């Protein structure tokens, strides 16, 4: 299992605390330092069953600079998918966190204790 975290994020720290308490075997990826490639983001999106705009943090300053809320400039359909993925790779702070990739091939955005426990159940 791998968990993408931002150490400054309280939800990430809570997820790590729970994983440790449960004795989980996991790898930490500090995705702001070890930035995922577009291909890695695409793979995680497939595992999540989500689209890039579903995991974009649209309140971040970079999102406002890019004007991600402008649905004409940033369509939320197949025509805009590659552009969204590229934006996430170029601005990793836009990626929702934490993301846990489970051993069974799935992934979860683990912002709640329930989601972390679900990831544990999949690994």
PDB file of N, CA and C in Angstrom:
ATOM      1  N   UNK A   1       0.859  -1.167   0.000  1.00  0.00           N
ATOM      2  CA  UNK A   1       0.000   0.000   0.000  1.00  0.00           C
ATOM      3  C   UNK A   1       0.905   1.229   0.000  1.00  0.00           C
ATOM      4  N   UNK A   2       0.472   2.243  -0.748  1.00  0.00           N
ATOM      5  CA  UNK A   2       1.201   3.506  -0.787  1.00  0.00           C
ATOM      6  C   UNK A   2       0.225   4.622  -0.449  1.00  0.00           C
ATOM      7  N   UNK A   3       0.714   5.634   0.254  1.00  0.00           N
ATOM      8  CA  UNK A   3      -0.124   6.780   0.596  1.00  0.00           C
ATOM      9  C   UNK A   3       0.584   8.045   0.128  1.00  0.00           C
ATOM     10  N   UNK A   4      -0.138   8.827  -0.670  1.00  0.00           N
ATOM     11  CA  UNK A   4       0.368  10.122  -1.137  1.00  0.00           C
ATOM     12  C   UNK A   4      -0.041  11.152  -0.096  1.00  0.00           C
ATOM     13  N   UNK A   5       0.956  11.843   0.445  1.00  0.00           N
ATOM     14  CA  UNK A   5       0.665  12.809   1.508  1.00  0.00           C
ATOM     15  C   UNK A   5       1.359  14.139   1.292  1.00  0.00           C
ATOM     16  N   UNK A   6       0.813  15.136   1.961  1.00  0.00           N
ATOM     17  CA  UNK A   6       1.448  16.423   2.192  1.00  0.00           C
ATOM     18  C   UNK A   6       1.595  16.477   3.710  1.00  0.00           C
ATOM     19  N   UNK A   7       2.828  16.468   4.235  1.00  0.00           N
ATOM     20  CA  UNK A   7       3.009  16.434   5.693  1.00  0.00           C
ATOM     21  C   UNK A   7       2.336  17.592   6.434  1.00  0.00           C
ATOM     22  N   UNK A   8       2.054  18.695   5.743  1.00  0.00           N
ATOM     23  CA  UNK A   8       1.411  19.839   6.385  1.00  0.00           C
ATOM     24  C   UNK A   8      -0.098  19.647   6.533  1.00  0.00           C
ATOM     25  N   UNK A   9      -0.631  18.601   5.944  1.00  0.00           N
ATOM     26  CA  UNK A   9      -2.077  18.357   5.931  1.00  0.00           C
ATOM     27  C   UNK A   9      -2.503  17.531   7.145  1.00  0.00           C
ATOM     28  N   UNK A  10      -3.459  18.041   7.897  1.00  0.00           N
ATOM     29  CA  UNK A  10      -3.921  17.321   9.098  1.00  0.00           C
ATOM     30  C   UNK A  10      -4.613  16.007   8.731  1.00  0.00           C
ATOM     31  N   UNK A  11      -5.332  15.952   7.620  1.00  0.00           N
ATOM     32  CA  UNK A  11      -5.987  14.703   7.207  1.00  0.00           C
ATOM     33  C   UNK A  11      -4.934  13.638   6.874  1.00  0.00           C
ATOM     34  N   UNK A  12      -3.820  14.056   6.276  1.00  0.00           N
ATOM     35  CA  UNK A  12      -2.732  13.124   5.971  1.00  0.00           C
ATOM     36  C   UNK A  12      -2.109  12.595   7.257  1.00  0.00           C
ATOM     37  N   UNK A  13      -1.857  13.489   8.191  1.00  0.00           N
ATOM     38  CA  UNK A  13      -1.258  13.069   9.464  1.00  0.00           C
ATOM     39  C   UNK A  13      -2.198  12.125  10.202  1.00  0.00           C
ATOM     40  N   UNK A  14      -3.497  12.396  10.172  1.00  0.00           N
ATOM     41  CA  UNK A  14      -4.468  11.507  10.826  1.00  0.00           C
ATOM     42  C   UNK A  14      -4.475  10.138  10.163  1.00  0.00           C
ATOM     43  N   UNK A  15      -4.395  10.103   8.831  1.00  0.00           N
ATOM     44  CA  UNK A  15      -4.378   8.821   8.114  1.00  0.00           C
ATOM     45  C   UNK A  15      -3.140   8.024   8.498  1.00  0.00           C
ATOM     46  N   UNK A  16      -1.982   8.689   8.574  1.00  0.00           N
ATOM     47  CA  UNK A  16      -0.743   7.997   8.950  1.00  0.00           C
ATOM     48  C   UNK A  16      -0.836   7.456  10.371  1.00  0.00           C
ATOM     49  N   UNK A  17      -1.409   8.237  11.273  1.00  0.00           N
ATOM     50  CA  UNK A  17      -1.568   7.803  12.663  1.00  0.00           C
ATOM     51  C   UNK A  17      -2.425   6.540  12.727  1.00  0.00           C
ATOM     52  N   UNK A  18      -3.506   6.515  11.978  1.00  0.00           N
ATOM     53  CA  UNK A  18      -4.384   5.347  11.970  1.00  0.00           C
ATOM     54  C   UNK A  18      -3.687   4.135  11.340  1.00  0.00           C
ATOM     55  N   UNK A  19      -2.982   4.354  10.231  1.00  0.00           N
ATOM     56  CA  UNK A  19      -2.252   3.247   9.602  1.00  0.00           C
ATOM     57  C   UNK A  19      -1.230   2.659  10.573  1.00  0.00           C
ATOM     58  N   UNK A  20      -0.527   3.538  11.284  1.00  0.00           N
ATOM     59  CA  UNK A  20       0.469   3.074  12.269  1.00  0.00           C
ATOM     60  C   UNK A  20      -0.207   2.310  13.407  1.00  0.00           C
ATOM     61  N   UNK A  21      -1.325   2.843  13.885  1.00  0.00           N
ATOM     62  CA  UNK A  21      -2.037   2.192  14.996  1.00  0.00           C
ATOM     63  C   UNK A  21      -2.523   0.798  14.600  1.00  0.00           C
ATOM     64  N   UNK A  22      -2.829   0.623  13.333  1.00  0.00           N
ATOM     65  CA  UNK A  22      -3.315  -0.667  12.844  1.00  0.00           C
ATOM     66  C   UNK A  22      -2.173  -1.579  12.392  1.00  0.00           C
ATOM     67  N   UNK A  23      -0.930  -1.088  12.504  1.00  0.00           N
ATOM     68  CA  UNK A  23       0.228  -1.887  12.115  1.00  0.00           C
ATOM     69  C   UNK A  23       0.312  -2.150  10.622  1.00  0.00           C
ATOM     70  N   UNK A  24      -0.212  -1.236   9.827  1.00  0.00           N
ATOM     71  CA  UNK A  24      -0.228  -1.408   8.371  1.00  0.00           C
ATOM     72  C   UNK A  24       1.177  -1.305   7.782  1.00  0.00           C
ATOM     73  N   UNK A  25       1.393  -2.040   6.717  1.00  0.00           N
ATOM     74  CA  UNK A  25       2.629  -1.984   5.950  1.00  0.00           C
ATOM     75  C   UNK A  25       2.369  -1.052   4.767  1.00  0.00           C
ATOM     76  N   UNK A  26       3.030   0.090   4.765  1.00  0.00           N
ATOM     77  CA  UNK A  26       2.773   1.073   3.710  1.00  0.00           C
ATOM     78  C   UNK A  26       4.034   1.862   3.395  1.00  0.00           C
ATOM     79  N   UNK A  27       3.993   2.510   2.238  1.00  0.00           N
ATOM     80  CA  UNK A  27       5.055   3.399   1.792  1.00  0.00           C
ATOM     81  C   UNK A  27       4.479   4.803   1.693  1.00  0.00           C
ATOM     82  N   UNK A  28       5.230   5.784   2.168  1.00  0.00           N
ATOM     83  CA  UNK A  28       4.796   7.175   2.093  1.00  0.00           C
ATOM     84  C   UNK A  28       5.402   7.815   0.849  1.00  0.00           C
ATOM     85  N   UNK A  29       4.558   8.513   0.115  1.00  0.00           N
ATOM     86  CA  UNK A  29       5.040   9.317  -1.016  1.00  0.00           C
ATOM     87  C   UNK A  29       4.652  10.761  -0.733  1.00  0.00           C
ATOM     88  N   UNK A  30       5.659  11.577  -0.526  1.00  0.00           N
ATOM     89  CA  UNK A  30       5.435  13.011  -0.342  1.00  0.00           C
ATOM     90  C   UNK A  30       5.321  13.601  -1.740  1.00  0.00           C
ATOM     91  N   UNK A  31       4.113  13.667  -2.224  1.00  0.00           N
ATOM     92  CA  UNK A  31       3.893  13.947  -3.635  1.00  0.00           C
ATOM     93  C   UNK A  31       4.229  15.380  -4.052  1.00  0.00           C
ATOM     94  N   UNK A  32       4.450  16.274  -3.103  1.00  0.00           N
ATOM     95  CA  UNK A  32       4.895  17.619  -3.469  1.00  0.00           C
ATOM     96  C   UNK A  32       6.392  17.623  -3.770  1.00  0.00           C
ATOM     97  N   UNK A  33       7.121  16.657  -3.215  1.00  0.00           N
ATOM     98  CA  UNK A  33       8.556  16.521  -3.458  1.00  0.00           C
ATOM     99  C   UNK A  33       8.820  15.497  -4.560  1.00  0.00           C
ATOM    100  N   UNK A  34       8.110  14.383  -4.498  1.00  0.00           N
ATOM    101  CA  UNK A  34       8.223  13.300  -5.479  1.00  0.00           C
ATOM    102  C   UNK A  34       6.959  13.375  -6.343  1.00  0.00           C
ATOM    103  N   UNK A  35       6.967  14.350  -7.242  1.00  0.00           N
ATOM    104  CA  UNK A  35       5.773  14.696  -8.010  1.00  0.00           C
ATOM    105  C   UNK A  35       5.399  13.566  -8.977  1.00  0.00           C
ATOM    106  N   UNK A  36       4.144  13.129  -8.935  1.00  0.00           N
ATOM    107  CA  UNK A  36       3.722  12.081  -9.863  1.00  0.00           C
ATOM    108  C   UNK A  36       3.691  12.585 -11.303  1.00  0.00           C
ATOM    109  N   UNK A  37       4.023  11.689 -12.205  1.00  0.00           N
ATOM    110  CA  UNK A  37       3.968  12.015 -13.632  1.00  0.00           C
ATOM    111  C   UNK A  37       2.517  12.013 -14.089  1.00  0.00           C
ATOM    112  N   UNK A  38       2.301  12.502 -15.292  1.00  0.00           N
ATOM    113  CA  UNK A  38       0.958  12.457 -15.854  1.00  0.00           C
ATOM    114  C   UNK A  38       0.476  11.010 -15.947  1.00  0.00           C
ATOM    115  N   UNK A  39       1.378  10.104 -16.334  1.00  0.00           N
ATOM    116  CA  UNK A  39       1.008   8.685 -16.440  1.00  0.00           C
ATOM    117  C   UNK A  39       0.616   8.120 -15.080  1.00  0.00           C
ATOM    118  N   UNK A  40       1.371   8.471 -14.029  1.00  0.00           N
ATOM    119  CA  UNK A  40       1.038   7.986 -12.684  1.00  0.00           C
ATOM    120  C   UNK A  40      -0.302   8.538 -12.216  1.00  0.00           C
ATOM    121  N   UNK A  41      -0.566   9.798 -12.514  1.00  0.00           N
ATOM    122  CA  UNK A  41      -1.850  10.388 -12.132  1.00  0.00           C
ATOM    123  C   UNK A  41      -2.982   9.681 -12.879  1.00  0.00           C
ATOM    124  N   UNK A  42      -2.777   9.420 -14.160  1.00  0.00           N
ATOM    125  CA  UNK A  42      -3.777   8.695 -14.936  1.00  0.00           C
ATOM    126  C   UNK A  42      -4.052   7.320 -14.365  1.00  0.00           C
ATOM    127  N   UNK A  43      -2.985   6.619 -13.952  1.00  0.00           N
ATOM    128  CA  UNK A  43      -3.142   5.287 -13.362  1.00  0.00           C
ATOM    129  C   UNK A  43      -3.915   5.353 -12.046  1.00  0.00           C
ATOM    130  N   UNK A  44      -3.575   6.313 -11.203  1.00  0.00           N
ATOM    131  CA  UNK A  44      -4.270   6.456  -9.917  1.00  0.00           C
ATOM    132  C   UNK A  44      -5.732   6.820 -10.148  1.00  0.00           C
ATOM    133  N   UNK A  45      -6.001   7.661 -11.133  1.00  0.00           N
ATOM    134  CA  UNK A  45      -7.391   8.006 -11.436  1.00  0.00           C
ATOM    135  C   UNK A  45      -8.181   6.766 -11.845  1.00  0.00           C
ATOM    136  N   UNK A  46      -7.562   5.900 -12.649  1.00  0.00           N
ATOM    137  CA  UNK A  46      -8.236   4.647 -13.026  1.00  0.00           C
ATOM    138  C   UNK A  46      -8.523   3.805 -11.796  1.00  0.00           C
ATOM    139  N   UNK A  47      -7.542   3.712 -10.901  1.00  0.00           N
ATOM    140  CA  UNK A  47      -7.713   2.925  -9.680  1.00  0.00           C
ATOM    141  C   UNK A  47      -8.785   3.523  -8.779  1.00  0.00           C
ATOM    142  N   UNK A  48      -8.868   4.847  -8.774  1.00  0.00           N
ATOM    143  CA  UNK A  48      -9.874   5.541  -7.974  1.00  0.00           C
ATOM    144  C   UNK A  48     -11.266   5.443  -8.605  1.00  0.00           C
ATOM    145  N   UNK A  49     -11.292   5.300  -9.931  1.00  0.00           N
ATOM    146  CA  UNK A  49     -12.569   5.356 -10.640  1.00  0.00           C
ATOM    147  C   UNK A  49     -13.101   6.774 -10.720  1.00  0.00           C
ATOM    148  N   UNK A  50     -12.164   7.745 -10.748  1.00  0.00           N
ATOM    149  CA  UNK A  50     -12.529   9.159 -10.765  1.00  0.00           C
ATOM    150  C   UNK A  50     -11.892   9.863 -11.960  1.00  0.00           C
ATOM    151  N   UNK A  51     -12.324  11.081 -12.174  1.00  0.00           N
ATOM    152  CA  UNK A  51     -11.750  11.937 -13.203  1.00  0.00           C
ATOM    153  C   UNK A  51     -10.828  12.962 -12.528  1.00  0.00           C
ATOM    154  N   UNK A  52      -9.926  13.577 -13.296  1.00  0.00           N
ATOM    155  CA  UNK A  52      -8.976  14.507 -12.667  1.00  0.00           C
ATOM    156  C   UNK A  52      -9.639  15.677 -11.948  1.00  0.00           C
ATOM    157  N   UNK A  53     -10.725  16.172 -12.473  1.00  0.00           N
ATOM    158  CA  UNK A  53     -11.416  17.289 -11.813  1.00  0.00           C
ATOM    159  C   UNK A  53     -12.049  16.859 -10.503  1.00  0.00           C
ATOM    160  N   UNK A  54     -12.268  15.554 -10.339  1.00  0.00           N
ATOM    161  CA  UNK A  54     -12.818  15.046  -9.079  1.00  0.00           C
ATOM    162  C   UNK A  54     -11.812  15.095  -7.936  1.00  0.00           C
ATOM    163  N   UNK A  55     -10.523  15.092  -8.254  1.00  0.00           N
ATOM    164  CA  UNK A  55      -9.497  15.116  -7.202  1.00  0.00           C
ATOM    165  C   UNK A  55      -8.738  16.440  -7.175  1.00  0.00           C
ATOM    166  N   UNK A  56      -9.238  17.432  -7.903  1.00  0.00           N
ATOM    167  CA  UNK A  56      -8.576  18.741  -7.941  1.00  0.00           C
ATOM    168  C   UNK A  56      -9.043  19.598  -6.771  1.00  0.00           C
ATOM    169  N   UNK A  57      -8.078  20.201  -6.109  1.00  0.00           N
ATOM    170  CA  UNK A  57      -8.364  21.111  -5.007  1.00  0.00           C
ATOM    171  C   UNK A  57      -8.559  22.511  -5.599  1.00  0.00           C
ATOM    172  N   UNK A  58      -9.798  22.852  -5.887  1.00  0.00           N
ATOM    173  CA  UNK A  58     -10.092  24.079  -6.625  1.00  0.00           C
ATOM    174  C   UNK A  58     -10.012  25.353  -5.783  1.00  0.00           C
ATOM    175  N   UNK A  59      -9.754  25.213  -4.485  1.00  0.00           N
ATOM    176  CA  UNK A  59      -9.596  26.400  -3.643  1.00  0.00           C
ATOM    177  C   UNK A  59      -8.129  26.814  -3.487  1.00  0.00           C
ATOM    178  N   UNK A  60      -7.222  26.013  -4.018  1.00  0.00           N
ATOM    179  CA  UNK A  60      -5.794  26.337  -3.932  1.00  0.00           C
ATOM    180  C   UNK A  60      -5.485  27.574  -4.778  1.00  0.00           C
ATOM    181  N   UNK A  61      -4.472  28.369  -4.377  1.00  0.00           N
ATOM    182  CA  UNK A  61      -4.092  29.535  -5.176  1.00  0.00           C
ATOM    183  C   UNK A  61      -3.792  29.183  -6.647  1.00  0.00           C
ATOM    184  N   UNK A  62      -3.125  28.064  -6.882  1.00  0.00           N
ATOM    185  CA  UNK A  62      -2.812  27.671  -8.262  1.00  0.00           C
ATOM    186  C   UNK A  62      -4.091  27.433  -9.063  1.00  0.00           C
ATOM    187  N   UNK A  63      -5.112  26.892  -8.433  1.00  0.00           N
ATOM    188  CA  UNK A  63      -6.395  26.658  -9.115  1.00  0.00           C
ATOM    189  C   UNK A  63      -7.044  27.981  -9.500  1.00  0.00           C
ATOM    190  N   UNK A  64      -6.934  28.942  -8.619  1.00  0.00           N
ATOM    191  CA  UNK A  64      -7.496  30.261  -8.911  1.00  0.00           C
ATOM    192  C   UNK A  64      -6.710  30.947 -10.021  1.00  0.00           C
ATOM    193  N   UNK A  65      -5.369  30.800 -10.004  1.00  0.00           N
ATOM    194  CA  UNK A  65      -4.542  31.374 -11.071  1.00  0.00           C
ATOM    195  C   UNK A  65      -4.880  30.750 -12.424  1.00  0.00           C
ATOM    196  N   UNK A  66      -5.097  29.445 -12.430  1.00  0.00           N
ATOM    197  CA  UNK A  66      -5.439  28.745 -13.667  1.00  0.00           C
ATOM    198  C   UNK A  66      -6.908  28.924 -14.053  1.00  0.00           C
ATOM    199  N   UNK A  67      -7.711  29.417 -13.113  1.00  0.00           N
ATOM    200  CA  UNK A  67      -9.149  29.603 -13.301  1.00  0.00           C
ATOM    201  C   UNK A  67      -9.856  28.275 -13.583  1.00  0.00           C
ATOM    202  N   UNK A  68      -9.542  27.265 -12.759  1.00  0.00           N
ATOM    203  CA  UNK A  68     -10.103  25.930 -12.949  1.00  0.00           C
ATOM    204  C   UNK A  68     -11.621  25.879 -12.832  1.00  0.00           C
ATOM    205  N   UNK A  69     -12.209  26.860 -12.216  1.00  0.00           N
ATOM    206  CA  UNK A  69     -13.669  26.857 -12.080  1.00  0.00           C
ATOM    207  C   UNK A  69     -14.372  27.287 -13.362  1.00  0.00           C
ATOM    208  N   UNK A  70     -13.620  27.820 -14.322  1.00  0.00           N
ATOM    209  CA  UNK A  70     -14.185  28.221 -15.611  1.00  0.00           C
ATOM    210  C   UNK A  70     -14.418  26.971 -16.451  1.00  0.00           C
ATOM    211  N   UNK A  71     -15.648  26.526 -16.497  1.00  0.00           N
ATOM    212  CA  UNK A  71     -15.977  25.262 -17.167  1.00  0.00           C
ATOM    213  C   UNK A  71     -15.837  25.345 -18.689  1.00  0.00           C
ATOM    214  N   UNK A  72     -15.825  26.543 -19.242  1.00  0.00           N
ATOM    215  CA  UNK A  72     -15.582  26.649 -20.684  1.00  0.00           C
ATOM    216  C   UNK A  72     -14.110  26.430 -20.982  1.00  0.00           C
ATOM    217  N   UNK A  73     -13.255  27.044 -20.191  1.00  0.00           N
ATOM    218  CA  UNK A  73     -11.810  26.911 -20.386  1.00  0.00           C
ATOM    219  C   UNK A  73     -11.310  25.539 -19.931  1.00  0.00           C
ATOM    220  N   UNK A  74     -11.974  24.972 -18.930  1.00  0.00           N
ATOM    221  CA  UNK A  74     -11.585  23.694 -18.341  1.00  0.00           C
ATOM    222  C   UNK A  74     -12.767  22.724 -18.385  1.00  0.00           C
ATOM    223  N   UNK A  75     -13.110  22.212 -19.574  1.00  0.00           N
ATOM    224  CA  UNK A  75     -14.253  21.305 -19.656  1.00  0.00           C
ATOM    225  C   UNK A  75     -14.039  20.047 -18.828  1.00  0.00           C
ATOM    226  N   UNK A  76     -15.121  19.617 -18.224  1.00  0.00           N
ATOM    227  CA  UNK A  76     -15.088  18.413 -17.380  1.00  0.00           C
ATOM    228  C   UNK A  76     -15.690  17.242 -18.153  1.00  0.00           C
ATOM    229  N   UNK A  77     -14.971  16.917 -19.233  1.00  0.00           N
ATOM    230  CA  UNK A  77     -15.356  15.791 -20.073  1.00  0.00           C
ATOM    231  C   UNK A  77     -14.099  15.265 -20.754  1.00  0.00           C
ATOM    232  N   UNK A  78     -14.265  14.311 -21.645  1.00  0.00           N
ATOM    233  CA  UNK A  78     -13.112  13.670 -22.284  1.00  0.00           C
ATOM    234  C   UNK A  78     -12.209  14.677 -23.002  1.00  0.00           C
ATOM    235  N   UNK A  79     -12.792  15.752 -23.516  1.00  0.00           N
ATOM    236  CA  UNK A  79     -11.987  16.735 -24.257  1.00  0.00           C
ATOM    237  C   UNK A  79     -11.015  17.491 -23.352  1.00  0.00           C
ATOM    238  N   UNK A  80     -11.319  17.596 -22.070  1.00  0.00           N
ATOM    239  CA  UNK A  80     -10.452  18.336 -21.152  1.00  0.00           C
ATOM    240  C   UNK A  80      -9.608  17.463 -20.245  1.00  0.00           C
ATOM    241  N   UNK A  81      -9.804  16.164 -20.299  1.00  0.00           N
ATOM    242  CA  UNK A  81      -9.155  15.236 -19.353  1.00  0.00           C
ATOM    243  C   UNK A  81      -7.631  15.365 -19.346  1.00  0.00           C
ATOM    244  N   UNK A  82      -6.995  15.325 -20.506  1.00  0.00           N
ATOM    245  CA  UNK A  82      -5.525  15.387 -20.578  1.00  0.00           C
ATOM    246  C   UNK A  82      -5.003  16.710 -20.018  1.00  0.00           C
ATOM    247  N   UNK A  83      -5.713  17.795 -20.301  1.00  0.00           N
ATOM    248  CA  UNK A  83      -5.287  19.101 -19.794  1.00  0.00           C
ATOM    249  C   UNK A  83      -5.365  19.146 -18.266  1.00  0.00           C
ATOM    250  N   UNK A  84      -6.413  18.563 -17.698  1.00  0.00           N
ATOM    251  CA  UNK A  84      -6.549  18.495 -16.245  1.00  0.00           C
ATOM    252  C   UNK A  84      -5.406  17.686 -15.636  1.00  0.00           C
ATOM    253  N   UNK A  85      -5.120  16.536 -16.229  1.00  0.00           N
ATOM    254  CA  UNK A  85      -4.037  15.693 -15.707  1.00  0.00           C
ATOM    255  C   UNK A  85      -2.714  16.430 -15.774  1.00  0.00           C
ATOM    256  N   UNK A  86      -2.471  17.129 -16.864  1.00  0.00           N
ATOM    257  CA  UNK A  86      -1.233  17.905 -17.001  1.00  0.00           C
ATOM    258  C   UNK A  86      -1.155  18.985 -15.916  1.00  0.00           C
ATOM    259  N   UNK A  87      -2.273  19.640 -15.641  1.00  0.00           N
ATOM    260  CA  UNK A  87      -2.294  20.683 -14.601  1.00  0.00           C
ATOM    261  C   UNK A  87      -1.982  20.083 -13.230  1.00  0.00           C
ATOM    262  N   UNK A  88      -2.516  18.894 -12.949  1.00  0.00           N
ATOM    263  CA  UNK A  88      -2.233  18.245 -11.665  1.00  0.00           C
ATOM    264  C   UNK A  88      -0.757  17.881 -11.557  1.00  0.00           C
ATOM    265  N   UNK A  89      -0.160  17.434 -12.648  1.00  0.00           N
ATOM    266  CA  UNK A  89       1.260  17.078 -12.633  1.00  0.00           C
ATOM    267  C   UNK A  89       2.141  18.323 -12.490  1.00  0.00           C
ATOM    268  N   UNK A  90       1.741  19.406 -13.118  1.00  0.00           N
ATOM    269  CA  UNK A  90       2.533  20.648 -13.055  1.00  0.00           C
ATOM    270  C   UNK A  90       2.325  21.404 -11.746  1.00  0.00           C
ATOM    271  N   UNK A  91       1.190  21.186 -11.115  1.00  0.00           N
ATOM    272  CA  UNK A  91       0.839  21.882  -9.863  1.00  0.00           C
ATOM    273  C   UNK A  91       0.342  20.839  -8.860  1.00  0.00           C
ATOM    274  N   UNK A  92       1.241  20.034  -8.298  1.00  0.00           N
ATOM    275  CA  UNK A  92       0.805  18.926  -7.436  1.00  0.00           C
ATOM    276  C   UNK A  92       0.006  19.348  -6.208  1.00  0.00           C
ATOM    277  N   UNK A  93       0.105  20.598  -5.792  1.00  0.00           N
ATOM    278  CA  UNK A  93      -0.717  21.044  -4.655  1.00  0.00           C
ATOM    279  C   UNK A  93      -2.200  20.950  -4.970  1.00  0.00           C
ATOM    280  N   UNK A  94      -2.527  20.845  -6.256  1.00  0.00           N
ATOM    281  CA  UNK A  94      -3.924  20.731  -6.657  1.00  0.00           C
ATOM    282  C   UNK A  94      -4.499  19.345  -6.404  1.00  0.00           C
ATOM    283  N   UNK A  95      -3.638  18.355  -6.148  1.00  0.00           N
ATOM    284  CA  UNK A  95      -4.099  16.980  -5.962  1.00  0.00           C
ATOM    285  C   UNK A  95      -4.685  16.802  -4.562  1.00  0.00           C
ATOM    286  N   UNK A  96      -5.905  16.299  -4.525  1.00  0.00           N
ATOM    287  CA  UNK A  96      -6.561  16.009  -3.244  1.00  0.00           C
ATOM    288  C   UNK A  96      -5.728  14.986  -2.462  1.00  0.00           C
ATOM    289  N   UNK A  97      -5.763  15.062  -1.182  1.00  0.00           N
ATOM    290  CA  UNK A  97      -4.941  14.190  -0.345  1.00  0.00           C
ATOM    291  C   UNK A  97      -5.675  13.799   0.917  1.00  0.00           C
ATOM    292  N   UNK A  98      -5.230  12.753   1.545  1.00  0.00           N
ATOM    293  CA  UNK A  98      -4.269  11.750   1.073  1.00  0.00           C
ATOM    294  C   UNK A  98      -4.949  10.767   0.112  1.00  0.00           C
ATOM    295  N   UNK A  99      -4.145  10.176  -0.739  1.00  0.00           N
ATOM    296  CA  UNK A  99      -4.621   9.118  -1.629  1.00  0.00           C
ATOM    297  C   UNK A  99      -3.884   7.848  -1.236  1.00  0.00           C
ATOM    298  N   UNK A 100      -4.649   6.787  -1.008  1.00  0.00           N
ATOM    299  CA  UNK A 100      -4.062   5.486  -0.672  1.00  0.00           C
ATOM    300  C   UNK A 100      -4.311   4.536  -1.840  1.00  0.00           C
ATOM    301  N   UNK A 101      -3.229   3.944  -2.329  1.00  0.00           N
ATOM    302  CA  UNK A 101      -3.351   2.893  -3.334  1.00  0.00           C
ATOM    303  C   UNK A 101      -3.243   1.570  -2.580  1.00  0.00           C
ATOM    304  N   UNK A 102      -4.301   0.789  -2.649  1.00  0.00           N
ATOM    305  CA  UNK A 102      -4.381  -0.463  -1.896  1.00  0.00           C
ATOM    306  C   UNK A 102      -3.758  -1.611  -2.680  1.00  0.00           C
ATOM    307  N   UNK A 103      -3.425  -2.653  -1.957  1.00  0.00           N
ATOM    308  CA  UNK A 103      -2.780  -3.820  -2.556  1.00  0.00           C
ATOM    309  C   UNK A 103      -3.668  -4.559  -3.541  1.00  0.00           C
ATOM    310  N   UNK A 104      -4.986  -4.373  -3.444  1.00  0.00           N
ATOM    311  CA  UNK A 104      -5.888  -5.090  -4.356  1.00  0.00           C
ATOM    312  C   UNK A 104      -6.043  -4.387  -5.705  1.00  0.00           C
ATOM    313  N   UNK A 105      -5.279  -3.294  -5.920  1.00  0.00           N
ATOM    314  CA  UNK A 105      -5.337  -2.568  -7.193  1.00  0.00           C
ATOM    315  C   UNK A 105      -6.257  -1.370  -7.176  1.00  0.00           C
ATOM    316  N   UNK A 106      -7.003  -1.180  -6.099  1.00  0.00           N
ATOM    317  CA  UNK A 106      -7.896  -0.028  -5.995  1.00  0.00           C
ATOM    318  C   UNK A 106      -7.159   1.137  -5.336  1.00  0.00           C
ATOM    319  N   UNK A 107      -7.835   2.245  -5.234  1.00  0.00           N
ATOM    320  CA  UNK A 107      -7.297   3.421  -4.545  1.00  0.00           C
ATOM    321  C   UNK A 107      -8.466   4.176  -3.932  1.00  0.00           C
ATOM    322  N   UNK A 108      -8.141   4.967  -2.922  1.00  0.00           N
ATOM    323  CA  UNK A 108      -9.149   5.770  -2.218  1.00  0.00           C
ATOM    324  C   UNK A 108      -8.582   7.132  -1.873  1.00  0.00           C
ATOM    325  N   UNK A 109      -9.425   8.154  -1.931  1.00  0.00           N
ATOM    326  CA  UNK A 109      -9.082   9.436  -1.330  1.00  0.00           C
ATOM    327  C   UNK A 109      -9.472   9.266   0.130  1.00  0.00           C
ATOM    328  N   UNK A 110      -8.468   9.237   0.996  1.00  0.00           N
ATOM    329  CA  UNK A 110      -8.669   8.829   2.391  1.00  0.00           C
ATOM    330  C   UNK A 110      -8.755  10.018   3.338  1.00  0.00           C
ATOM    331  N   UNK A 111      -9.762  10.846   3.147  1.00  0.00           N
ATOM    332  CA  UNK A 111      -9.918  12.037   3.976  1.00  0.00           C
ATOM    333  C   UNK A 111     -10.683  11.771   5.263  1.00  0.00           C
ATOM    334  N   UNK A 112     -11.189  10.559   5.420  1.00  0.00           N
ATOM    335  CA  UNK A 112     -11.908  10.229   6.648  1.00  0.00           C
ATOM    336  C   UNK A 112     -11.337   8.934   7.228  1.00  0.00           C
ATOM    337  N   UNK A 113     -11.601   8.723   8.514  1.00  0.00           N
ATOM    338  CA  UNK A 113     -11.160   7.490   9.159  1.00  0.00           C
ATOM    339  C   UNK A 113     -11.795   6.281   8.476  1.00  0.00           C
ATOM    340  N   UNK A 114     -13.055   6.414   8.073  1.00  0.00           N
ATOM    341  CA  UNK A 114     -13.742   5.309   7.405  1.00  0.00           C
ATOM    342  C   UNK A 114     -13.032   4.924   6.105  1.00  0.00           C
ATOM    343  N   UNK A 115     -12.595   5.922   5.333  1.00  0.00           N
ATOM    344  CA  UNK A 115     -11.902   5.643   4.069  1.00  0.00           C
ATOM    345  C   UNK A 115     -10.558   4.969   4.321  1.00  0.00           C
ATOM    346  N   UNK A 116      -9.849   5.382   5.357  1.00  0.00           N
ATOM    347  CA  UNK A 116      -8.566   4.750   5.688  1.00  0.00           C
ATOM    348  C   UNK A 116      -8.813   3.288   6.090  1.00  0.00           C
ATOM    349  N   UNK A 117      -9.834   3.072   6.888  1.00  0.00           N
ATOM    350  CA  UNK A 117     -10.159   1.690   7.297  1.00  0.00           C
ATOM    351  C   UNK A 117     -10.578   0.836   6.093  1.00  0.00           C
ATOM    352  N   UNK A 118     -11.287   1.448   5.143  1.00  0.00           N
ATOM    353  CA  UNK A 118     -11.654   0.716   3.936  1.00  0.00           C
ATOM    354  C   UNK A 118     -10.406   0.317   3.158  1.00  0.00           C
ATOM    355  N   UNK A 119      -9.428   1.233   3.060  1.00  0.00           N
ATOM    356  CA  UNK A 119      -8.166   0.911   2.378  1.00  0.00           C
ATOM    357  C   UNK A 119      -7.447  -0.223   3.101  1.00  0.00           C
ATOM    358  N   UNK A 120      -7.464  -0.199   4.415  1.00  0.00           N
ATOM    359  CA  UNK A 120      -6.849  -1.270   5.187  1.00  0.00           C
ATOM    360  C   UNK A 120      -7.499  -2.619   4.879  1.00  0.00           C
ATOM    361  N   UNK A 121      -8.799  -2.602   4.712  1.00  0.00           N
ATOM    362  CA  UNK A 121      -9.518  -3.820   4.404  1.00  0.00           C
ATOM    363  C   UNK A 121      -9.226  -4.362   3.013  1.00  0.00           C
ATOM    364  N   UNK A 122      -8.744  -3.493   2.143  1.00  0.00           N
ATOM    365  CA  UNK A 122      -8.431  -3.898   0.775  1.00  0.00           C
ATOM    366  C   UNK A 122      -6.995  -4.380   0.633  1.00  0.00           C
ATOM    367  N   UNK A 123      -6.199  -4.186   1.670  1.00  0.00           N
ATOM    368  CA  UNK A 123      -4.776  -4.534   1.572  1.00  0.00           C
ATOM    369  C   UNK A 123      -4.451  -5.775   2.370  1.00  0.00           C
TER     370      UNK A 123
END
